[in-house]
N, C-alpha and C. Protein backbone atom coordinates (compact mmCIF):
# COMPACT_ATOMS: atom_id res chain seq x y z
N UNK A 1 7.66 1.90 -9.74
CA UNK A 1 6.55 2.97 -9.56
C UNK A 1 7.47 4.23 -9.50
N UNK A 2 8.01 4.63 -10.04
CA UNK A 2 8.64 5.66 -10.26
C UNK A 2 7.86 7.29 -10.41
N UNK A 3 7.01 7.05 -10.90
CA UNK A 3 5.91 8.39 -10.61
C UNK A 3 5.26 8.40 -9.49
N UNK A 4 5.48 9.56 -8.72
CA UNK A 4 5.26 10.18 -7.49
C UNK A 4 3.61 10.17 -7.08
N UNK A 5 2.78 10.59 -8.49
CA UNK A 5 1.80 10.60 -8.52
C UNK A 5 1.17 9.09 -8.39
N UNK A 6 2.09 8.31 -9.54
CA UNK A 6 1.76 6.27 -8.78
C UNK A 6 1.27 6.00 -7.70
N UNK A 7 2.33 6.52 -7.19
CA UNK A 7 2.57 6.07 -5.67
C UNK A 7 1.57 6.88 -4.77
N UNK A 8 1.47 7.65 -4.86
CA UNK A 8 0.22 8.58 -4.29
C UNK A 8 -1.06 8.01 -4.64
N UNK A 9 -1.14 8.15 -6.04
CA UNK A 9 -2.87 7.37 -6.15
C UNK A 9 -2.91 5.84 -5.96
N UNK A 10 -1.89 4.81 -5.77
CA UNK A 10 -1.89 3.16 -5.06
C UNK A 10 -2.36 3.46 -3.83
N UNK A 11 -1.47 4.44 -3.02
CA UNK A 11 -2.04 4.44 -1.88
C UNK A 11 -3.16 5.20 -1.15
N UNK A 12 -3.78 6.15 -2.22
CA UNK A 12 -4.79 6.51 -1.97
C UNK A 12 -5.91 5.45 -2.22
N UNK A 13 -6.23 4.59 -3.28
CA UNK A 13 -6.97 3.33 -3.72
C UNK A 13 -6.91 2.76 -2.82
N UNK A 14 -5.94 1.94 -2.07
CA UNK A 14 -5.69 1.37 -1.23
C UNK A 14 -6.92 1.90 0.37
N UNK A 15 -6.65 3.23 0.68
CA UNK A 15 -7.38 3.99 1.67
C UNK A 15 -9.05 3.69 1.30
N UNK A 16 -9.36 3.74 -0.20
CA UNK A 16 -10.85 4.33 -0.45
C UNK A 16 -11.19 2.31 -0.37
N UNK A 17 -10.48 1.48 -0.47
CA UNK A 17 -10.62 0.01 -0.57
C UNK A 17 -11.10 -0.26 1.04
N UNK A 18 -10.59 0.67 1.77
CA UNK A 18 -10.39 0.12 3.14
C UNK A 18 -11.00 0.94 4.22
N UNK A 19 -11.76 2.20 3.04
CA UNK A 19 -12.78 3.02 3.27
C UNK A 19 -11.91 3.74 4.66
N UNK A 20 -10.68 4.46 4.69
CA UNK A 20 -10.36 5.27 5.85
C UNK A 20 -9.66 6.58 4.81
N UNK A 21 -10.06 7.58 5.59
CA UNK A 21 -9.61 8.46 4.72
C UNK A 21 -8.33 9.20 5.36
N UNK A 22 -7.51 10.09 4.63
CA UNK A 22 -5.96 10.60 4.80
C UNK A 22 -5.64 11.01 6.16
N UNK A 23 -6.93 11.82 6.74
CA UNK A 23 -6.93 12.30 7.89
C UNK A 23 -7.04 11.05 9.44
N UNK A 24 -7.43 10.32 8.81
CA UNK A 24 -7.92 8.80 9.44
C UNK A 24 -6.37 8.15 9.94
N UNK A 25 -5.95 7.93 8.93
CA UNK A 25 -4.72 7.45 8.45
C UNK A 25 -3.53 7.93 9.00
N UNK A 26 -3.50 9.48 9.01
CA UNK A 26 -2.58 10.30 10.01
C UNK A 26 -2.42 9.97 11.35
N UNK A 27 -4.03 10.11 11.78
CA UNK A 27 -4.39 9.68 13.37
C UNK A 27 -3.60 7.88 13.84
N UNK A 28 -3.87 7.48 12.82
CA UNK A 28 -3.31 5.92 12.98
C UNK A 28 -2.02 5.61 13.14
N UNK A 29 -0.99 6.49 12.27
CA UNK A 29 0.29 6.61 11.84
C UNK A 29 0.47 7.26 13.29
N UNK A 30 0.12 8.10 13.94
CA UNK A 30 0.58 8.84 14.93
C UNK A 30 0.72 7.36 16.05
N UNK A 31 -0.22 6.88 16.41
CA UNK A 31 -0.12 5.28 17.22
C UNK A 31 1.04 4.28 16.85
N UNK A 32 0.71 4.24 15.30
CA UNK A 32 1.53 3.44 15.19
C UNK A 32 3.16 3.65 15.04
N UNK A 33 3.50 4.87 14.89
CA UNK A 33 5.10 5.35 14.64
C UNK A 33 5.41 6.22 15.90
N UNK A 34 4.41 6.17 16.98
CA UNK A 34 4.40 7.10 17.87
C UNK A 34 5.20 8.28 18.03
N UNK A 35 4.83 9.37 16.93
CA UNK A 35 5.44 10.25 16.60
C UNK A 35 4.02 11.36 16.33
N UNK A 36 4.69 12.34 16.01
CA UNK A 36 3.18 13.32 15.56
C UNK A 36 3.04 13.03 13.66
N UNK A 37 1.71 12.93 13.47
CA UNK A 37 2.04 12.99 11.80
C UNK A 37 0.25 13.58 11.97
N UNK A 38 0.61 14.61 10.92
CA UNK A 38 -0.65 15.46 10.68
C UNK A 38 -1.29 15.56 8.98
N UNK A 39 -2.73 15.43 8.88
CA UNK A 39 -2.81 14.72 7.34
C UNK A 39 -2.04 15.75 6.66
N UNK A 40 -1.69 16.93 6.97
CA UNK A 40 -1.38 18.01 5.95
C UNK A 40 0.00 17.74 5.82
N UNK A 41 1.09 17.18 6.52
CA UNK A 41 2.10 16.18 6.96
C UNK A 41 2.11 15.12 5.84
N UNK A 42 1.05 14.36 6.13
CA UNK A 42 1.13 13.34 5.63
C UNK A 42 0.51 13.78 3.59
N UNK A 43 -0.31 14.46 3.08
CA UNK A 43 -0.63 14.75 2.10
C UNK A 43 0.89 15.29 1.62
N UNK A 44 1.29 15.68 2.21
CA UNK A 44 2.74 16.55 1.42
C UNK A 44 3.61 15.26 1.29
N UNK A 45 3.89 14.60 2.11
CA UNK A 45 4.45 13.31 1.58
C UNK A 45 4.08 12.53 0.45
N UNK A 46 2.56 12.34 0.62
CA UNK A 46 1.90 11.73 -0.85
C UNK A 46 2.52 12.52 -1.93
N UNK A 47 2.31 13.61 -1.44
CA UNK A 47 2.52 14.71 -3.15
C UNK A 47 3.82 14.59 -3.31
N UNK A 48 4.99 14.69 -2.62
CA UNK A 48 6.27 14.79 -2.64
C UNK A 48 6.71 13.63 -3.08
N UNK A 49 5.97 12.48 -2.79
CA UNK A 49 6.92 11.05 -3.28
C UNK A 49 8.27 10.81 -1.60
N UNK A 50 7.71 11.01 -0.51
CA UNK A 50 9.08 11.06 0.52
C UNK A 50 8.61 10.36 1.47
N UNK A 51 7.94 9.48 1.66
CA UNK A 51 7.19 8.33 2.58
C UNK A 51 8.54 7.64 2.83
N UNK A 52 8.81 7.28 3.76
CA UNK A 52 10.55 6.14 4.03
C UNK A 52 9.33 5.49 3.95
N UNK A 53 10.36 3.90 4.32
CA UNK A 53 9.76 2.79 4.49
C UNK A 53 9.48 2.29 5.56
N UNK A 54 9.85 2.87 6.75
CA UNK A 54 8.85 2.70 7.96
C UNK A 54 7.71 3.53 7.91
N UNK A 55 7.48 3.90 7.10
CA UNK A 55 5.80 5.06 7.09
C UNK A 55 5.33 3.69 6.02
N UNK A 56 5.96 3.59 5.01
CA UNK A 56 5.20 2.83 4.16
C UNK A 56 4.98 1.17 5.11
N UNK A 57 6.06 0.77 5.75
CA UNK A 57 5.59 -0.41 6.69
C UNK A 57 4.02 -0.39 7.56
N UNK A 58 3.82 0.92 8.21
CA UNK A 58 3.07 1.26 9.01
C UNK A 58 1.62 1.32 8.28
N UNK A 59 1.79 2.21 7.25
CA UNK A 59 0.44 2.03 6.23
C UNK A 59 0.04 0.73 5.89
N UNK A 60 0.99 -0.24 5.40
CA UNK A 60 0.82 -1.51 5.04
C UNK A 60 0.08 -2.25 6.71
N UNK A 61 0.79 -2.24 7.73
CA UNK A 61 0.09 -2.52 8.60
C UNK A 61 -1.35 -2.38 9.39
N UNK A 62 -1.40 -0.94 9.22
CA UNK A 62 -2.81 -0.43 9.05
C UNK A 62 -3.88 -1.21 8.68
N UNK A 63 -3.68 -1.28 7.20
CA UNK A 63 -4.65 -1.70 6.44
C UNK A 63 -4.29 -3.22 6.18
N UNK A 64 -3.74 -4.04 7.22
CA UNK A 64 -3.81 -5.31 6.74
C UNK A 64 -3.36 -5.93 6.06
N UNK A 65 -1.78 -5.30 5.69
CA UNK A 65 -0.81 -6.05 4.75
C UNK A 65 0.30 -5.90 5.09
N UNK A 66 1.61 -6.48 4.59
CA UNK A 66 3.39 -6.19 4.75
C UNK A 66 3.37 -6.09 3.93
N UNK A 67 4.94 -5.30 3.75
CA UNK A 67 5.62 -5.32 2.69
C UNK A 67 6.63 -6.26 2.50
N UNK A 68 7.06 -6.68 1.79
CA UNK A 68 8.00 -7.96 1.54
C UNK A 68 8.45 -7.80 0.15
N UNK A 69 10.05 -7.88 0.19
CA UNK A 69 11.12 -8.03 -0.85
C UNK A 69 11.18 -9.54 -1.00
N UNK A 70 11.06 -9.54 -2.49
CA UNK A 70 11.19 -11.08 -3.17
C UNK A 70 12.00 -11.01 -4.13
N UNK A 71 13.10 -11.74 -4.22
CA UNK A 71 13.90 -12.18 -5.39
C UNK A 71 13.71 -11.97 -6.96
N UNK A 72 13.78 -11.32 -7.59
CA UNK A 72 13.64 -11.70 -8.91
C UNK A 72 13.91 -12.72 -9.25
N UNK A 73 13.13 -13.68 -10.27
CA UNK A 73 13.64 -14.96 -10.84
C UNK A 73 14.79 -14.27 -12.08
N UNK A 74 15.74 -14.23 -12.38
CA UNK A 74 17.00 -13.98 -13.50
C UNK A 74 16.42 -14.90 -14.63
């Protein structure tokens, strides 16, 4: 996923699937990460493709997922 829009669309699709808006996600991220997260800052990070791994893990957790690194079979 090198295309920033692809990443944004993927996360937004998950939000739609789970009936959560970006502003609601920002509120939940504030609680999960224990720091300020506004809908504007979250929209900006999605647009610029600058979410940290910690933020991605928190989003996954909020939506009931986890991120796992799996070794490729060569």
